[in-house]
N, C-alpha and C. Protein backbone atom coordinates (compact mmCIF):
# COMPACT_ATOMS: atom_id res chain seq x y z
N MET A 1 88.91 67.54 167.25
CA MET A 1 89.26 67.76 165.85
C MET A 1 87.87 67.62 165.28
N SER A 2 87.95 68.05 164.02
CA SER A 2 86.16 67.39 163.31
C SER A 2 87.41 67.04 162.04
N VAL A 3 86.31 66.29 161.10
CA VAL A 3 86.23 65.78 160.16
C VAL A 3 86.94 66.79 159.18
N TRP A 4 86.79 68.35 159.39
CA TRP A 4 86.86 68.99 158.44
C TRP A 4 88.13 70.01 158.65
N ASP A 5 88.75 69.31 159.91
CA ASP A 5 90.42 69.49 160.31
C ASP A 5 91.26 68.65 159.43
N THR A 6 90.74 67.83 158.62
CA THR A 6 91.66 66.54 158.24
C THR A 6 91.27 66.35 156.97
N LEU A 7 90.34 67.44 156.45
CA LEU A 7 89.79 67.11 154.55
C LEU A 7 90.54 66.84 153.66
N ASP A 8 90.35 65.41 153.09
CA ASP A 8 91.37 64.93 151.93
C ASP A 8 91.89 66.33 151.11
N PRO A 9 93.06 66.45 150.62
CA PRO A 9 93.66 67.46 149.71
C PRO A 9 93.09 67.18 148.25
N ARG A 10 92.50 66.04 148.01
CA ARG A 10 92.02 66.04 146.88
C ARG A 10 90.96 66.77 146.53
N TYR A 11 90.13 67.11 147.70
CA TYR A 11 88.85 67.74 147.54
C TYR A 11 89.12 69.08 147.60
N ARG A 12 88.99 69.55 146.30
CA ARG A 12 90.04 71.32 145.54
C ARG A 12 88.88 72.20 145.65
N LEU A 13 87.55 71.68 145.39
CA LEU A 13 86.18 72.67 145.16
C LEU A 13 85.48 72.21 146.08
N ILE A 14 85.08 73.46 147.85
CA ILE A 14 84.00 73.17 148.11
C ILE A 14 82.68 74.51 147.80
N LEU A 15 81.79 73.59 147.90
CA LEU A 15 80.86 74.00 147.75
C LEU A 15 79.44 74.39 148.98
N CYS A 16 79.45 75.36 149.42
CA CYS A 16 79.02 75.70 150.70
C CYS A 16 77.87 76.55 150.70
N ASP A 17 76.49 75.81 151.44
CA ASP A 17 75.28 76.45 151.30
C ASP A 17 75.80 77.57 152.26
N VAL A 18 74.50 78.80 151.82
CA VAL A 18 74.58 80.09 152.80
C VAL A 18 74.31 80.14 154.13
N TRP A 19 72.73 80.46 153.96
CA TRP A 19 71.72 80.38 155.26
C TRP A 19 71.62 79.10 155.88
N GLY A 20 71.82 79.28 157.52
CA GLY A 20 71.78 78.05 157.90
C GLY A 20 73.19 76.82 158.39
N VAL A 21 74.17 77.94 157.45
CA VAL A 21 75.39 77.23 157.77
C VAL A 21 76.48 78.12 157.56
N ILE A 22 76.65 79.43 157.25
CA ILE A 22 76.99 80.45 157.38
C ILE A 22 76.78 81.73 158.30
N HIS A 23 75.42 81.67 158.52
CA HIS A 23 74.78 82.59 159.30
C HIS A 23 73.13 82.18 159.68
N ASP A 24 72.86 83.04 160.23
CA ASP A 24 71.44 82.65 160.98
C ASP A 24 70.26 83.63 160.53
N GLY A 25 70.45 84.63 159.38
CA GLY A 25 70.05 85.93 158.69
C GLY A 25 70.54 87.24 159.41
N VAL A 26 71.36 86.97 160.59
CA VAL A 26 71.21 88.17 161.05
C VAL A 26 72.94 88.19 161.86
N THR A 27 73.79 87.15 162.13
CA THR A 27 75.02 87.02 162.46
C THR A 27 75.63 85.69 161.93
N LEU A 28 76.80 85.88 162.31
CA LEU A 28 77.78 84.38 161.38
C LEU A 28 77.74 83.40 162.63
N TYR A 29 77.64 82.40 161.93
CA TYR A 29 77.60 81.46 163.06
C TYR A 29 79.29 81.11 163.63
N PRO A 30 79.65 80.81 164.93
CA PRO A 30 81.03 80.96 165.37
C PRO A 30 82.04 79.96 164.55
N GLY A 31 83.13 80.41 163.71
CA GLY A 31 83.86 79.70 163.19
C GLY A 31 83.91 79.73 161.72
N ALA A 32 82.76 79.78 161.44
CA ALA A 32 82.31 80.09 160.11
C ALA A 32 83.06 80.78 158.78
N GLU A 33 83.92 81.45 159.16
CA GLU A 33 84.50 82.47 158.28
C GLU A 33 86.15 82.04 158.65
N GLU A 34 86.11 81.86 159.62
CA GLU A 34 87.76 80.77 160.06
C GLU A 34 87.64 79.90 159.35
N ARG A 35 86.35 78.39 159.13
CA ARG A 35 86.54 77.64 158.31
C ARG A 35 86.85 77.89 156.84
N LEU A 36 85.91 78.76 156.59
CA LEU A 36 85.84 79.24 155.19
C LEU A 36 87.54 79.50 154.48
N ARG A 37 87.85 80.27 155.34
CA ARG A 37 89.47 81.25 155.44
C ARG A 37 90.50 80.19 155.17
N GLN A 38 90.38 79.01 156.29
CA GLN A 38 91.47 77.98 156.30
C GLN A 38 91.29 76.94 154.68
N TRP A 39 90.22 76.66 154.35
CA TRP A 39 90.33 76.08 152.83
C TRP A 39 90.64 76.80 151.83
N ARG A 40 90.78 78.18 151.75
CA ARG A 40 91.11 79.22 150.69
C ARG A 40 92.81 79.11 151.02
N ASN A 41 93.22 79.03 152.16
CA ASN A 41 94.55 78.71 152.69
C ASN A 41 95.20 77.94 151.70
N GLU A 42 94.26 76.64 152.19
CA GLU A 42 94.57 75.03 151.54
C GLU A 42 94.88 75.00 150.19
N GLY A 43 94.55 76.18 149.30
CA GLY A 43 94.01 76.46 147.80
C GLY A 43 93.28 75.85 147.12
N ARG A 44 92.43 75.58 147.87
CA ARG A 44 90.82 75.14 147.41
C ARG A 44 90.09 76.30 147.05
N CYS A 45 89.05 75.82 146.23
CA CYS A 45 88.28 76.96 145.84
C CYS A 45 86.95 76.63 146.12
N VAL A 46 86.60 78.03 147.04
CA VAL A 46 85.50 77.55 148.13
C VAL A 46 83.89 78.77 147.15
N VAL A 47 83.16 77.93 146.90
CA VAL A 47 81.71 79.09 146.29
C VAL A 47 80.86 78.31 147.13
N LEU A 48 80.37 79.69 147.37
CA LEU A 48 78.71 80.39 147.91
C LEU A 48 77.57 79.77 147.40
N ILE A 49 76.99 78.80 147.57
CA ILE A 49 75.58 78.71 146.86
C ILE A 49 74.20 79.12 147.58
N THR A 50 73.73 79.83 147.43
CA THR A 50 72.14 79.55 147.83
C THR A 50 70.74 79.94 146.96
N ASN A 51 69.59 79.08 146.83
CA ASN A 51 68.61 79.51 145.82
C ASN A 51 68.09 80.78 146.00
N ALA A 52 68.29 81.73 146.73
CA ALA A 52 68.10 83.10 146.93
C ALA A 52 67.80 83.93 145.31
N PRO A 53 66.96 84.35 145.32
CA PRO A 53 66.11 84.86 143.84
C PRO A 53 66.66 86.41 143.42
N ARG A 54 68.43 86.32 144.23
CA ARG A 54 69.12 87.33 144.02
C ARG A 54 70.27 87.71 142.84
N THR A 55 70.96 88.69 142.74
CA THR A 55 71.85 88.51 142.05
C THR A 55 73.51 88.24 142.87
N ALA A 56 74.07 87.67 142.33
CA ALA A 56 75.16 87.36 143.30
C ALA A 56 76.05 88.46 143.95
N GLU A 57 75.88 89.67 143.68
CA GLU A 57 76.04 90.70 143.90
C GLU A 57 75.66 91.12 144.99
N ALA A 58 74.43 91.27 145.00
CA ALA A 58 73.16 91.58 146.37
C ALA A 58 73.89 90.63 147.34
N VAL A 59 73.71 89.16 147.35
CA VAL A 59 73.85 88.26 148.33
C VAL A 59 75.50 88.56 148.85
N GLU A 60 76.73 89.33 147.82
CA GLU A 60 77.67 89.35 148.50
C GLU A 60 77.36 90.71 149.36
N GLN A 61 76.61 91.51 149.03
CA GLN A 61 76.67 92.75 150.03
C GLN A 61 75.96 92.35 151.12
N GLN A 62 75.07 91.61 151.30
CA GLN A 62 74.30 91.10 152.69
C GLN A 62 75.53 90.35 153.33
N LEU A 63 76.05 89.42 152.76
CA LEU A 63 77.42 88.91 153.35
C LEU A 63 78.09 89.86 154.30
N ALA A 64 78.71 90.86 153.22
CA ALA A 64 78.79 92.05 154.15
C ALA A 64 78.73 92.69 155.22
N ARG A 65 77.36 93.00 155.01
CA ARG A 65 77.03 93.35 155.73
C ARG A 65 77.21 92.86 157.32
N ILE A 66 76.72 91.19 157.16
CA ILE A 66 76.87 90.50 158.63
C ILE A 66 78.10 90.27 158.91
N GLY A 67 79.02 90.56 158.03
CA GLY A 67 80.27 90.69 158.76
C GLY A 67 81.28 89.75 158.36
N LEU A 68 80.99 88.94 156.70
CA LEU A 68 81.57 88.17 156.06
C LEU A 68 82.82 88.61 155.47
N ALA A 69 84.19 88.44 155.43
CA ALA A 69 85.03 89.36 155.13
C ALA A 69 85.21 88.81 153.23
N HIS A 70 85.47 89.36 152.40
CA HIS A 70 85.41 88.58 151.09
C HIS A 70 86.33 87.65 150.41
N ASP A 71 87.55 87.93 151.38
CA ASP A 71 88.41 87.01 150.99
C ASP A 71 88.48 85.41 151.72
N ALA A 72 87.39 85.47 152.29
CA ALA A 72 86.79 84.17 152.81
C ALA A 72 86.20 83.21 151.87
N PHE A 73 86.01 83.46 150.51
CA PHE A 73 85.31 82.67 149.40
C PHE A 73 85.56 83.08 148.18
N ASP A 74 85.41 82.29 147.25
CA ASP A 74 85.80 82.68 145.88
C ASP A 74 85.11 83.38 145.12
N PHE A 75 83.67 82.76 145.30
CA PHE A 75 82.66 83.83 144.40
C PHE A 75 81.21 82.92 145.25
N VAL A 76 80.17 83.43 144.80
CA VAL A 76 78.64 83.04 144.73
C VAL A 76 77.89 82.83 143.85
N ALA A 77 77.30 81.80 143.73
CA ALA A 77 76.21 81.31 142.93
C ALA A 77 75.36 81.35 143.06
N THR A 78 74.19 81.56 142.87
CA THR A 78 72.72 82.02 143.46
C THR A 78 71.39 81.67 142.31
N SER A 79 70.62 81.57 142.48
CA SER A 79 69.12 80.79 141.62
C SER A 79 69.17 82.53 140.85
N GLY A 80 69.01 83.37 141.29
CA GLY A 80 68.77 84.15 140.67
C GLY A 80 69.88 84.41 139.62
N GLU A 81 71.15 84.56 139.70
CA GLU A 81 72.05 84.47 138.69
C GLU A 81 71.82 83.28 137.41
N ALA A 82 71.22 82.23 137.94
CA ALA A 82 70.67 80.76 136.92
C ALA A 82 69.85 81.76 136.06
N GLY A 83 68.60 82.29 136.77
CA GLY A 83 67.45 82.48 135.99
C GLY A 83 68.11 83.66 134.57
N ILE A 84 69.22 84.55 135.42
CA ILE A 84 69.63 85.75 134.46
C ILE A 84 69.94 84.67 133.13
N GLU A 85 70.92 84.04 133.46
CA GLU A 85 71.68 83.38 132.31
C GLU A 85 70.61 82.88 131.27
N ALA A 86 69.56 81.76 131.88
CA ALA A 86 68.90 81.29 131.26
C ALA A 86 67.81 82.60 130.51
N LEU A 87 67.18 83.56 130.77
CA LEU A 87 66.90 84.79 129.70
C LEU A 87 67.88 84.81 129.11
N ASN A 88 69.24 85.54 129.02
CA ASN A 88 70.06 85.99 128.00
C ASN A 88 70.32 84.96 127.27
N ALA A 89 70.27 83.70 127.54
CA ALA A 89 70.35 82.36 126.26
C ALA A 89 69.46 82.80 125.69
N LEU A 90 68.47 83.50 125.50
CA LEU A 90 67.14 83.29 125.09
C LEU A 90 67.18 83.94 123.56
N GLU A 91 68.34 85.50 124.07
CA GLU A 91 68.83 86.35 123.04
C GLU A 91 67.31 86.93 122.13
N LYS A 92 66.18 87.15 123.05
CA LYS A 92 65.31 88.04 122.46
C LYS A 92 64.24 88.69 123.60
N PRO A 93 63.71 89.32 123.28
CA PRO A 93 62.94 90.32 124.23
C PRO A 93 61.82 89.35 125.26
N VAL A 94 61.75 89.36 126.43
CA VAL A 94 60.85 88.45 127.21
C VAL A 94 59.55 89.07 127.80
N GLY A 95 58.73 88.51 128.32
CA GLY A 95 57.40 89.31 128.66
C GLY A 95 58.12 89.39 130.18
N PHE A 96 57.05 89.85 131.24
CA PHE A 96 57.77 90.39 132.19
C PHE A 96 56.56 90.82 133.64
N VAL A 97 56.95 90.01 134.71
CA VAL A 97 55.88 90.32 135.84
C VAL A 97 56.70 90.22 136.95
N GLY A 98 56.43 91.06 137.59
CA GLY A 98 57.35 91.44 138.69
C GLY A 98 57.61 92.75 139.32
N THR A 99 58.41 93.49 140.16
CA THR A 99 58.33 94.76 140.51
C THR A 99 59.40 95.60 139.76
N ALA A 100 58.91 97.05 139.74
CA ALA A 100 60.07 97.66 138.79
C ALA A 100 61.14 97.57 139.29
N THR A 101 61.56 97.41 140.77
CA THR A 101 63.30 97.10 141.15
C THR A 101 63.61 95.77 140.22
N ASP A 102 62.59 94.88 140.63
CA ASP A 102 63.53 93.79 139.82
C ASP A 102 63.59 93.81 138.15
N ARG A 103 62.58 94.51 137.29
CA ARG A 103 62.87 95.10 136.21
C ARG A 103 63.92 95.59 136.13
N GLU A 104 64.33 96.20 137.13
CA GLU A 104 65.47 97.31 136.73
C GLU A 104 67.12 96.40 136.72
N ILE A 105 67.04 95.45 137.81
CA ILE A 105 67.98 94.71 137.74
C ILE A 105 68.19 93.97 136.45
N LEU A 106 66.92 92.90 136.19
CA LEU A 106 67.18 92.15 135.07
C LEU A 106 67.77 92.94 133.75
N GLU A 107 67.04 94.61 133.41
CA GLU A 107 67.61 95.14 131.99
C GLU A 107 69.22 95.40 132.43
N GLY A 108 69.34 95.53 133.89
CA GLY A 108 70.85 95.99 133.84
C GLY A 108 71.73 94.72 133.85
N ARG A 109 71.43 93.66 133.91
CA ARG A 109 72.42 92.67 133.53
C ARG A 109 72.23 92.11 131.96
N GLY A 110 71.36 92.70 131.18
CA GLY A 110 71.16 92.76 129.71
C GLY A 110 70.08 91.89 129.22
N VAL A 111 69.03 91.91 130.08
CA VAL A 111 67.85 91.18 129.85
C VAL A 111 67.31 92.19 128.95
N HIS A 112 66.68 91.91 127.94
CA HIS A 112 65.58 92.10 126.79
C HIS A 112 64.16 92.17 127.58
N ILE A 113 63.19 93.44 127.87
CA ILE A 113 61.97 93.03 128.35
C ILE A 113 61.28 93.37 127.25
N ALA A 114 60.34 92.93 126.68
CA ALA A 114 58.89 93.21 125.71
C ALA A 114 58.45 94.25 126.02
N ASP A 115 58.74 95.08 124.98
CA ASP A 115 57.13 96.34 125.00
C ASP A 115 55.78 95.63 124.84
N GLY A 116 54.56 95.73 125.89
CA GLY A 116 53.46 95.02 125.46
C GLY A 116 53.37 93.68 125.24
N GLU A 117 52.88 92.95 124.53
CA GLU A 117 52.63 91.97 124.30
C GLU A 117 53.19 90.70 123.49
N ASN A 118 54.57 91.57 122.91
CA ASN A 118 55.09 91.14 122.05
C ASN A 118 56.10 90.10 122.60
N PHE A 119 55.99 88.81 122.70
CA PHE A 119 56.82 88.25 123.31
C PHE A 119 56.48 86.63 123.57
N SER A 120 57.13 85.77 123.22
CA SER A 120 57.04 84.33 123.65
C SER A 120 57.54 83.46 125.04
N GLU A 121 57.93 84.30 125.30
CA GLU A 121 58.70 83.60 126.89
C GLU A 121 58.30 85.12 127.77
N LEU A 122 58.19 84.35 129.17
CA LEU A 122 57.99 85.06 130.24
C LEU A 122 58.98 84.81 131.54
N ALA A 123 59.15 85.86 132.23
CA ALA A 123 59.83 86.13 133.12
C ALA A 123 59.35 86.15 134.51
N CYS A 124 59.28 85.71 135.25
CA CYS A 124 58.52 85.80 136.59
C CYS A 124 58.71 86.17 137.94
N THR A 125 59.50 86.88 138.48
CA THR A 125 60.38 87.33 139.77
C THR A 125 59.35 87.18 140.97
N GLY A 126 58.22 87.76 140.72
CA GLY A 126 56.53 87.56 141.69
C GLY A 126 55.85 88.39 141.62
N THR A 127 55.03 88.74 142.34
CA THR A 127 53.79 89.73 142.10
C THR A 127 53.95 90.98 141.93
N MET A 128 52.86 92.06 141.56
CA MET A 128 54.17 93.45 141.43
C MET A 128 52.94 93.96 142.02
N VAL A 129 53.54 95.21 142.46
CA VAL A 129 52.97 96.07 143.43
C VAL A 129 51.46 96.39 142.94
N GLY A 130 50.36 96.38 143.90
CA GLY A 130 49.37 96.66 143.61
C GLY A 130 48.43 95.67 143.30
N ARG A 131 49.11 94.05 142.93
CA ARG A 131 48.64 93.24 142.67
C ARG A 131 49.35 91.90 143.51
N PRO A 132 49.06 91.76 144.25
CA PRO A 132 49.68 90.91 145.36
C PRO A 132 49.07 89.36 145.38
N ASP A 133 47.72 89.17 144.80
CA ASP A 133 47.53 88.29 145.03
C ASP A 133 47.34 87.41 143.56
N PRO A 134 48.18 86.20 143.96
CA PRO A 134 48.56 85.27 142.19
C PRO A 134 47.41 84.86 141.45
N SER A 135 46.04 85.02 142.16
CA SER A 135 44.77 84.80 141.42
C SER A 135 44.57 85.70 140.42
N ASP A 136 44.89 87.34 140.69
CA ASP A 136 44.95 88.07 140.03
C ASP A 136 45.40 88.18 138.52
N TYR A 137 46.60 87.02 138.34
CA TYR A 137 47.24 86.91 137.10
C TYR A 137 46.58 85.97 136.26
N ARG A 138 45.69 85.14 136.84
CA ARG A 138 45.15 83.84 136.30
C ARG A 138 44.53 84.61 134.85
N VAL A 139 44.04 85.13 134.52
CA VAL A 139 43.38 85.66 132.93
C VAL A 139 44.52 85.97 132.59
N ASP A 140 45.76 86.43 132.57
CA ASP A 140 46.47 86.81 131.75
C ASP A 140 47.19 85.50 131.66
N LEU A 141 47.91 84.78 132.57
CA LEU A 141 48.42 83.28 132.43
C LEU A 141 47.89 82.54 131.80
N GLU A 142 46.49 82.60 131.54
CA GLU A 142 45.65 81.89 130.65
C GLU A 142 45.45 82.30 129.21
N ARG A 143 45.87 83.56 128.80
CA ARG A 143 45.90 83.95 127.98
C ARG A 143 46.89 83.57 127.00
N TRP A 144 48.12 83.85 127.96
CA TRP A 144 49.89 83.52 127.14
C TRP A 144 49.41 82.02 126.87
N ALA A 145 49.15 81.43 128.15
CA ALA A 145 49.20 79.73 127.73
C ALA A 145 48.58 79.22 126.45
N ASP A 146 47.41 79.64 126.47
CA ASP A 146 46.59 79.11 125.57
C ASP A 146 46.88 79.48 123.99
N HIS A 147 46.94 80.85 124.03
CA HIS A 147 47.13 81.52 122.51
C HIS A 147 48.73 81.95 122.29
N ARG A 148 49.21 81.83 123.12
CA ARG A 148 50.94 82.32 122.71
C ARG A 148 51.85 81.52 122.93
N LYS A 149 51.45 80.46 123.94
CA LYS A 149 52.31 79.22 124.22
C LYS A 149 53.35 79.64 125.18
N VAL A 150 53.02 80.33 125.58
CA VAL A 150 54.19 81.21 126.95
C VAL A 150 54.76 80.61 127.80
N PRO A 151 56.15 80.04 127.62
CA PRO A 151 56.35 79.04 128.81
C PRO A 151 57.12 80.16 129.99
N GLN A 152 56.73 79.71 131.44
CA GLN A 152 57.50 80.71 132.42
C GLN A 152 58.65 80.31 132.72
N ILE A 153 59.79 81.32 133.16
CA ILE A 153 61.06 81.33 133.70
C ILE A 153 60.35 81.70 134.79
N ALA A 154 60.23 81.30 136.04
CA ALA A 154 59.79 81.62 137.59
C ALA A 154 61.09 81.44 138.07
N PHE A 155 61.73 82.65 138.82
CA PHE A 155 62.70 82.92 139.95
C PHE A 155 61.70 82.14 141.26
N LYS A 156 62.69 82.02 142.07
CA LYS A 156 62.28 81.55 143.46
C LYS A 156 61.76 82.51 144.07
N PRO A 157 60.36 82.87 144.61
CA PRO A 157 59.75 83.69 145.42
C PRO A 157 60.43 83.67 147.04
N PRO A 158 60.74 84.82 147.51
CA PRO A 158 61.31 84.72 149.32
C PRO A 158 59.54 84.43 149.28
N GLY A 159 59.84 83.25 150.85
CA GLY A 159 58.47 83.11 151.36
C GLY A 159 58.22 84.28 152.21
N ARG A 160 56.91 84.81 152.16
CA ARG A 160 56.42 85.58 153.16
C ARG A 160 55.11 85.32 153.98
N GLY A 161 55.12 85.15 154.98
CA GLY A 161 53.91 84.84 155.94
C GLY A 161 54.27 83.59 155.93
N ALA A 162 53.12 82.61 156.25
CA ALA A 162 53.15 81.17 156.74
C ALA A 162 53.83 80.35 155.60
N LYS A 163 54.49 79.45 156.32
CA LYS A 163 55.65 79.13 155.16
C LYS A 163 54.71 78.04 153.96
N ALA A 164 53.08 77.90 153.99
CA ALA A 164 52.72 77.33 153.13
C ALA A 164 52.68 78.32 151.65
N ALA A 165 53.22 79.62 151.99
CA ALA A 165 52.56 80.63 151.08
C ALA A 165 53.28 80.24 149.83
N PRO A 166 54.50 80.36 149.52
CA PRO A 166 55.31 79.83 148.49
C PRO A 166 54.67 78.68 147.51
N PHE A 167 54.04 77.57 148.48
CA PHE A 167 53.34 76.69 147.72
C PHE A 167 52.26 77.03 146.88
N LYS A 168 51.29 77.70 147.90
CA LYS A 168 49.75 78.39 147.41
C LYS A 168 50.44 78.94 145.78
N ARG A 169 51.23 79.65 146.15
CA ARG A 169 51.75 80.51 144.58
C ARG A 169 51.97 79.57 143.67
N LYS A 170 52.96 78.46 143.82
CA LYS A 170 53.31 77.49 142.80
C LYS A 170 51.69 76.97 141.90
N ASP A 171 50.99 76.73 142.95
CA ASP A 171 49.52 76.20 142.75
C ASP A 171 49.34 76.87 141.88
N ALA A 172 48.91 78.38 142.12
CA ALA A 172 48.49 79.02 141.41
C ALA A 172 48.53 79.39 139.94
N MET A 173 50.41 79.24 139.88
CA MET A 173 50.51 79.02 138.32
C MET A 173 50.17 78.24 137.69
N LEU A 174 50.42 76.60 138.19
CA LEU A 174 50.01 75.48 137.54
C LEU A 174 48.74 75.62 137.16
N GLU A 175 47.88 76.18 137.85
CA GLU A 175 46.02 76.29 137.57
C GLU A 175 45.88 76.53 136.22
N ALA A 176 47.01 77.64 135.68
CA ALA A 176 47.20 78.24 134.17
C ALA A 176 47.36 77.02 133.19
N LEU A 177 48.08 75.77 133.72
CA LEU A 177 47.97 74.57 132.86
C LEU A 177 49.07 75.23 131.71
N PRO A 178 50.39 75.63 131.91
CA PRO A 178 51.50 76.46 130.93
C PRO A 178 51.86 75.03 129.93
N ILE A 179 52.43 75.12 129.28
CA ILE A 179 52.66 73.94 128.18
C ILE A 179 53.82 73.30 128.51
N GLY A 180 54.25 74.00 129.80
CA GLY A 180 55.84 73.19 130.22
C GLY A 180 56.43 74.03 131.51
N VAL A 181 57.09 73.50 131.96
CA VAL A 181 57.80 74.17 133.23
C VAL A 181 58.92 73.96 133.42
N LEU A 182 59.90 75.23 133.43
CA LEU A 182 61.58 75.50 133.34
C LEU A 182 61.51 75.85 135.09
N VAL A 183 62.56 74.94 135.51
CA VAL A 183 62.74 74.85 136.92
C VAL A 183 64.29 75.80 137.19
N ALA A 184 64.66 76.41 137.92
CA ALA A 184 66.19 76.85 138.24
C ALA A 184 66.32 76.29 139.26
N PRO A 185 67.60 76.27 139.39
CA PRO A 185 68.16 75.53 140.98
C PRO A 185 67.74 76.07 141.89
N GLY A 186 66.88 75.17 143.30
CA GLY A 186 66.62 75.97 143.98
C GLY A 186 66.13 75.23 145.18
N SER A 187 65.17 75.27 146.03
CA SER A 187 64.72 74.63 147.52
C SER A 187 63.66 73.89 147.41
N GLY A 188 63.53 73.05 148.24
CA GLY A 188 61.91 71.94 148.19
C GLY A 188 60.76 72.35 147.33
N ILE A 189 61.05 73.67 147.50
CA ILE A 189 59.66 74.69 146.64
C ILE A 189 59.87 74.36 145.78
N GLN A 190 60.78 74.54 144.92
CA GLN A 190 61.00 74.39 143.36
C GLN A 190 60.97 72.86 142.94
N ALA A 191 61.33 72.11 143.93
CA ALA A 191 61.36 70.45 143.99
C ALA A 191 59.42 69.97 144.09
N ASN A 192 59.44 70.68 144.83
CA ASN A 192 57.73 70.27 144.74
C ASN A 192 56.44 71.25 143.71
N LEU A 193 57.18 71.92 143.28
CA LEU A 193 56.77 72.45 141.75
C LEU A 193 56.91 71.39 140.60
N ALA A 194 58.25 71.12 140.28
CA ALA A 194 58.10 70.12 139.60
C ALA A 194 57.53 68.83 139.76
N ASP A 195 57.44 68.20 140.81
CA ASP A 195 56.16 66.80 141.27
C ASP A 195 54.84 67.12 140.67
N LYS A 196 54.53 68.52 141.19
CA LYS A 196 53.24 68.39 140.86
C LYS A 196 52.89 68.92 139.19
N ALA A 197 53.79 69.56 138.59
CA ALA A 197 53.61 69.73 137.51
C ALA A 197 54.27 68.49 136.42
N ARG A 198 54.77 66.94 136.75
CA ARG A 198 54.52 66.19 136.23
C ARG A 198 53.73 65.76 136.41
N ARG A 199 52.69 65.99 137.81
CA ARG A 199 51.65 64.91 137.73
C ARG A 199 50.11 65.55 137.16
N LEU A 200 50.30 66.51 136.22
CA LEU A 200 49.55 67.50 136.05
C LEU A 200 49.63 66.90 134.02
N GLY A 201 50.87 65.78 134.33
CA GLY A 201 50.93 65.51 132.76
C GLY A 201 51.81 66.94 132.34
N LEU A 202 52.68 67.98 132.73
CA LEU A 202 53.28 68.65 131.95
C LEU A 202 54.87 68.75 132.20
N PRO A 203 55.43 69.00 130.84
CA PRO A 203 56.65 68.49 130.55
C PRO A 203 57.41 69.72 131.85
N VAL A 204 58.65 69.09 132.32
CA VAL A 204 59.64 69.67 133.14
C VAL A 204 61.09 69.76 132.74
N TRP A 205 61.65 70.82 132.43
CA TRP A 205 63.21 70.87 132.65
C TRP A 205 63.61 71.69 133.66
N LYS A 206 64.84 71.42 133.69
CA LYS A 206 65.54 72.06 134.94
C LYS A 206 66.73 72.52 134.07
N LEU A 207 67.37 73.45 134.17
CA LEU A 207 68.13 74.31 133.67
C LEU A 207 69.54 73.73 133.88
N GLY A 208 70.02 73.22 132.84
CA GLY A 208 71.74 72.26 132.75
C GLY A 208 71.05 70.98 132.47
N HIS A 209 69.84 70.96 132.35
CA HIS A 209 69.46 69.15 131.69
C HIS A 209 68.77 69.33 130.98
N SER A 210 68.74 68.02 130.06
CA SER A 210 67.73 68.20 128.87
C SER A 210 66.18 67.64 129.11
N GLY A 211 66.14 67.11 129.93
CA GLY A 211 64.67 66.96 130.79
C GLY A 211 64.50 66.21 131.99
N ALA A 212 63.59 66.19 132.51
CA ALA A 212 63.69 65.87 133.97
C ALA A 212 62.10 64.59 134.42
């Protein structure tokens, strides 16, 4: 018997990570689905949380492909959803850097993408097709930061290649010296970005907080 078998009934909300807790990216861990379903049968609310830069629907579809039944949890909360909420809260068109697929997803969720450079906020979901190197965006970022005072709302980019790659992409963004950094819930990569921004003397805001 483990501590989870005798979890105090007063804990009505279960926040459970996904990657490395429920599955390894390919298969479910033994007993994970049964434990989640047990908690729901006990009347608890089970929320799966992830720093994936995707919609909750996309994560739910991935979980279904891996084999997790939807009745094992109540809903999914993602970093991507937090970013979409922040963009919609602006109630005005925003600039966009990312793939056509990402743009389609944002527009499908009500985010208004500005035509040309008529914007004061920028949403960045990653690099664009044909421009994979973050340094390719330096001229644009510097122009927006210096002349348009554009804050960036950067969704957590999926890591590719070496583990240091995401950190290098963050460094490239900070080199443009933006007027501030808004950090959505995420991983140690997000925390590293916030720490580096503070060391540069840049204001840092976290979603759900007035300051950081």
